[in-house]
Amino acid sequence: MNEWRVVKKYPNRRLYDTNESRYVTLADIRRLVLEHIPFKVIDKTTQQDITRSILLQVISEQESAAPLLTRELLAALIRCQSLDAGTLRPALEDAARLLAQLQPALANPAHPQT
């Protein structure tokens, strides 16, 4: 299924999954990401795509529960924003893909994948 799931964000700050016809939480959005379900979040009032800001909220919520991003890493990301996005974005995306591929081996270092 390559169809995009649409989540609408209402003025009351609630998120509504139009596919499942129910209100969802940031934890539900995180589940969509982890399950590789394509989705986008649309602001109900402006019709703007606000998916990026919602994903940042998911990261922020996860960071408060189990910090991953150090102060140094966050500062480095801010400094990197002054670089050309056309150069930096693909490098960051490649690094994230590599980490995702290595995740099983990183989770279980006693049994590295071949």
Protein backbone atom coordinates (compact mmCIF):
# COMPACT_ATOMS: atom_id res chain seq x y z
CA MET A 1 0.00 0.00 0.00
CA ASN A 2 1.74 3.18 -1.22
CA GLU A 3 -1.14 5.47 -0.37
CA TRP A 4 -0.32 8.27 2.03
CA ARG A 5 -2.17 8.24 5.30
CA VAL A 6 -3.44 11.71 6.15
CA VAL A 7 -3.45 12.96 9.72
CA LYS A 8 -5.17 16.28 10.34
CA LYS A 9 -4.14 18.60 13.12
CA TYR A 10 -7.07 20.56 14.49
CA PRO A 11 -6.92 23.99 16.18
CA ASN A 12 -7.43 22.26 19.55
CA ARG A 13 -4.00 20.64 18.91
CA ARG A 14 -5.48 17.17 18.48
CA LEU A 15 -4.36 14.87 15.68
CA TYR A 16 -6.98 12.94 13.70
CA ASP A 17 -6.06 9.94 11.56
CA THR A 18 -8.44 10.09 8.60
CA ASN A 19 -7.63 6.52 7.59
CA GLU A 20 -8.55 5.01 10.96
CA SER A 21 -11.18 7.66 11.78
CA ARG A 22 -9.80 8.29 15.26
CA TYR A 23 -7.75 10.75 17.24
CA VAL A 24 -4.10 9.78 17.61
CA THR A 25 -1.19 10.74 19.82
CA LEU A 26 2.46 11.45 19.11
CA ALA A 27 3.12 7.84 20.17
CA ASP A 28 0.80 6.73 17.34
CA ILE A 29 2.72 8.94 14.91
CA ARG A 30 5.97 7.35 16.11
CA ARG A 31 4.44 3.91 15.45
CA LEU A 32 3.63 4.96 11.86
CA VAL A 33 7.27 5.95 11.39
CA LEU A 34 8.60 2.72 12.91
CA GLU A 35 6.25 0.65 10.74
CA HIS A 36 7.30 2.57 7.59
CA ILE A 37 3.73 3.69 6.93
CA PRO A 38 3.78 6.74 4.67
CA PHE A 39 1.83 9.61 6.16
CA LYS A 40 1.57 13.36 6.20
CA VAL A 41 0.13 15.73 8.75
CA ILE A 42 -2.01 18.57 7.42
CA ASP A 43 -3.04 21.61 9.44
CA LYS A 44 -6.84 21.60 9.26
CA THR A 45 -7.09 25.39 9.26
CA THR A 46 -4.34 26.33 6.77
CA GLN A 47 -4.11 23.07 4.80
CA GLN A 48 -0.31 23.30 5.12
CA ASP A 49 1.80 20.16 5.40
CA ILE A 50 3.19 20.27 8.96
CA THR A 51 4.65 16.77 9.03
CA ARG A 52 8.18 17.99 9.79
CA SER A 53 7.10 19.93 12.87
CA ILE A 54 5.10 16.95 14.16
CA LEU A 55 8.10 14.65 13.63
CA LEU A 56 10.23 17.11 15.60
CA GLN A 57 7.65 16.91 18.40
CA VAL A 58 7.92 13.11 18.32
CA ILE A 59 11.70 13.37 18.62
CA SER A 60 11.39 15.91 21.43
CA GLU A 61 8.97 13.69 23.34
CA GLN A 62 11.26 10.67 22.88
CA GLU A 63 14.26 12.73 23.98
CA SER A 64 12.57 13.68 27.24
CA ALA A 65 11.93 9.98 27.97
CA ALA A 66 15.24 8.52 26.78
CA PRO A 67 17.84 11.10 25.71
CA LEU A 68 19.90 10.20 22.65
CA LEU A 69 20.95 13.56 21.27
CA THR A 70 23.75 15.05 23.36
CA ARG A 71 24.24 18.77 23.84
CA GLU A 72 27.33 18.53 21.62
CA LEU A 73 25.46 16.75 18.82
CA LEU A 74 22.58 19.25 18.90
CA ALA A 75 25.05 22.16 18.85
CA ALA A 76 26.86 20.57 15.88
CA LEU A 77 23.56 20.21 14.01
CA ILE A 78 22.79 23.87 14.60
CA ARG A 79 26.24 24.83 13.31
CA CYS A 80 25.78 22.58 10.26
CA GLN A 81 22.58 24.39 9.34
CA SER A 82 24.74 27.21 8.03
CA LEU A 83 26.15 24.80 5.42
CA ASP A 84 24.57 24.30 2.02
CA ALA A 85 21.42 22.19 2.56
CA GLY A 86 21.91 20.52 -0.82
CA THR A 87 25.20 19.09 0.44
CA LEU A 88 24.34 18.48 4.07
CA ARG A 89 20.87 16.91 3.72
CA PRO A 90 21.99 13.92 1.60
CA ALA A 91 24.91 13.27 3.97
CA LEU A 92 22.63 13.27 7.02
CA GLU A 93 20.07 11.07 5.24
CA ASP A 94 22.81 8.61 4.22
CA ALA A 95 24.09 8.50 7.81
CA ALA A 96 20.57 7.83 9.12
CA ARG A 97 20.03 5.04 6.56
CA LEU A 98 23.36 3.47 7.53
CA LEU A 99 22.43 3.56 11.22
CA ALA A 100 19.07 1.96 10.42
CA GLN A 101 20.83 -0.83 8.51
CA LEU A 102 23.29 -1.36 11.37
CA GLN A 103 20.62 -1.21 14.06
CA PRO A 104 20.20 -5.01 14.43
CA ALA A 105 23.96 -5.48 14.92
CA LEU A 106 24.16 -2.51 17.30
CA ALA A 107 21.28 -3.90 19.35
CA ASN A 108 22.94 -7.30 19.63
CA PRO A 109 26.76 -6.84 19.42
CA ALA A 110 27.42 -10.48 20.43
CA HIS A 111 25.82 -11.65 17.15
CA PRO A 112 26.88 -9.24 14.38
CA GLN A 113 25.10 -9.57 11.08
CA THR A 114 27.01 -10.58 7.99
